[in-house]
Protein backbone atom coordinates (compact mmCIF):
# COMPACT_ATOMS: atom_id res chain seq x y z
CA MET A 1 101.63 68.30 45.20
CA SER A 2 101.85 69.17 41.55
CA ARG A 3 102.31 72.71 40.30
CA GLN A 4 98.69 72.79 39.19
CA ASP A 5 97.54 71.72 42.66
CA ALA A 6 99.72 74.40 44.25
CA ASN A 7 98.27 77.06 41.94
CA ALA A 8 94.74 75.92 42.77
CA ALA A 9 95.51 76.07 46.50
CA PHE A 10 96.95 79.56 46.08
CA ALA A 11 93.89 80.72 44.13
CA LEU A 12 91.63 79.49 46.93
CA THR A 13 93.60 81.22 49.71
CA SER A 14 95.20 84.29 48.08
CA PHE A 15 92.78 86.59 49.94
CA LEU A 16 94.62 85.64 53.14
CA TYR A 17 97.69 87.72 52.34
CA GLY A 18 99.08 89.99 55.11
CA GLY A 19 97.41 93.19 53.91
CA ASN A 20 94.02 91.70 54.77
CA ALA A 21 95.04 90.24 58.14
CA ASP A 22 93.39 92.87 60.37
CA TYR A 23 90.19 92.78 58.33
CA ILE A 24 90.00 88.98 58.42
CA ASP A 25 90.79 88.87 62.17
CA ASP A 26 87.98 91.34 62.81
CA LEU A 27 85.60 89.41 60.55
CA TYR A 28 86.51 86.15 62.28
CA ALA A 29 85.88 87.69 65.72
CA ARG A 30 82.47 88.92 64.54
CA TYR A 31 81.75 85.41 63.25
CA GLU A 32 82.65 83.88 66.62
CA THR A 33 80.34 86.36 68.38
CA ASP A 34 77.48 85.89 65.91
CA PRO A 35 77.96 83.58 62.89
CA LYS A 36 75.09 85.29 61.05
CA ALA A 37 77.00 88.59 61.15
CA VAL A 38 79.13 87.45 58.20
CA ASP A 39 78.38 86.22 54.70
CA ALA A 40 77.58 82.51 54.19
CA GLU A 41 80.90 81.91 52.40
CA TRP A 42 82.82 83.37 55.34
CA GLN A 43 80.72 81.28 57.73
CA SER A 44 81.72 78.17 55.85
CA PHE A 45 85.39 79.20 55.77
CA PHE A 46 85.59 80.09 59.45
CA GLN A 47 83.67 76.96 60.47
CA SER A 48 86.28 74.84 58.70
CA LEU A 49 89.10 76.37 60.78
CA LYS A 50 87.80 75.02 64.10
CA ASP A 51 89.75 77.56 66.19
CA ASP A 52 88.92 78.28 69.82
CA ALA A 53 86.51 81.25 69.93
CA ARG A 54 88.37 82.91 72.84
CA ASP A 55 91.62 82.85 70.88
CA VAL A 56 89.93 84.33 67.82
CA VAL A 57 88.46 87.27 69.75
CA LYS A 58 91.70 87.80 71.68
CA ASN A 59 93.64 87.81 68.42
CA ALA A 60 91.36 90.45 66.92
CA THR A 61 91.89 92.85 69.84
CA GLY A 62 95.60 93.17 69.16
CA PRO A 63 98.81 91.83 70.62
CA SER A 64 99.01 91.09 74.35
CA TRP A 65 102.20 93.14 74.57
CA ALA A 66 100.61 96.27 73.06
CA ARG A 67 101.34 99.38 75.10
CA PRO A 68 98.33 101.66 75.71
CA GLY A 69 98.64 105.05 74.02
CA TRP A 70 101.54 103.93 71.89
CA PRO A 71 102.82 105.06 69.49
CA VAL A 72 102.40 108.65 70.55
CA PRO A 73 100.94 110.70 67.68
CA GLU A 74 103.38 113.15 66.18
CA ARG A 75 102.83 116.71 67.34
CA SER A 76 104.40 119.49 65.38
CA ASP A 77 105.75 122.68 66.97
CA LEU A 78 102.85 124.62 65.48
CA ILE A 79 100.21 122.35 67.04
CA SER A 80 102.00 122.48 70.42
CA ALA A 81 102.22 126.30 70.29
CA LEU A 82 98.56 126.67 69.31
CA THR A 83 97.43 124.26 72.04
CA LYS A 84 99.43 126.26 74.61
CA LEU A 85 97.89 129.51 73.35
CA VAL A 86 94.35 128.10 73.50
CA ASN A 87 94.91 126.87 77.04
CA GLU A 88 96.27 130.27 78.10
CA VAL A 89 93.36 132.11 76.50
CA ASN A 90 90.82 129.82 78.13
CA ALA A 91 92.53 130.17 81.54
CA SER A 92 92.58 133.97 81.33
CA ALA A 93 88.93 134.04 80.25
CA GLU A 94 87.95 131.81 83.19
CA ASP A 95 89.70 133.89 85.85
CA GLY A 96 88.62 137.23 84.35
CA THR A 97 92.12 138.46 83.56
CA THR A 98 91.44 138.82 79.87
CA HIS A 99 94.46 140.45 78.30
CA THR A 100 94.27 143.10 75.66
CA ARG A 101 93.88 141.79 72.14
CA VAL A 102 92.14 138.66 73.45
CA PRO A 103 88.46 138.78 72.43
CA LYS A 104 85.79 138.18 75.07
CA HIS A 105 84.49 135.13 73.24
CA ALA A 106 87.97 133.52 73.34
CA SER A 107 86.71 131.07 75.95
CA LEU A 108 84.79 129.37 73.14
CA ILE A 109 88.09 128.13 71.69
CA GLN A 110 88.55 124.43 72.35
CA PRO A 111 92.00 122.79 72.40
CA CYS A 112 92.53 119.78 70.19
CA ALA A 113 92.48 116.37 71.81
CA LYS A 114 95.81 115.45 73.31
CA GLY A 115 97.24 112.31 71.80
């Protein structure tokens, strides 16, 4: 392959670099589910690959070794303290032992989603 041929091949496939991998995997899975869900140029490209549809969809869902709920989102000390406070306020409002300096409407406070 001459240098010119190599450059031409690179120009035709440069969109496949690693930064686009997740996007292209997702697009390919959508194509395998419904070919009309992607642009005609992508249809032509994906059709030329001739991959097994099950493998394409499986690939788009992530690695088989992925651990659910991992990585654990970082929680700062402030977020942890506020979540604890909200839970305490809600518990005291539910059982009627509202402490002084805790407003009656404190039960409206919702804790953030635990990650």
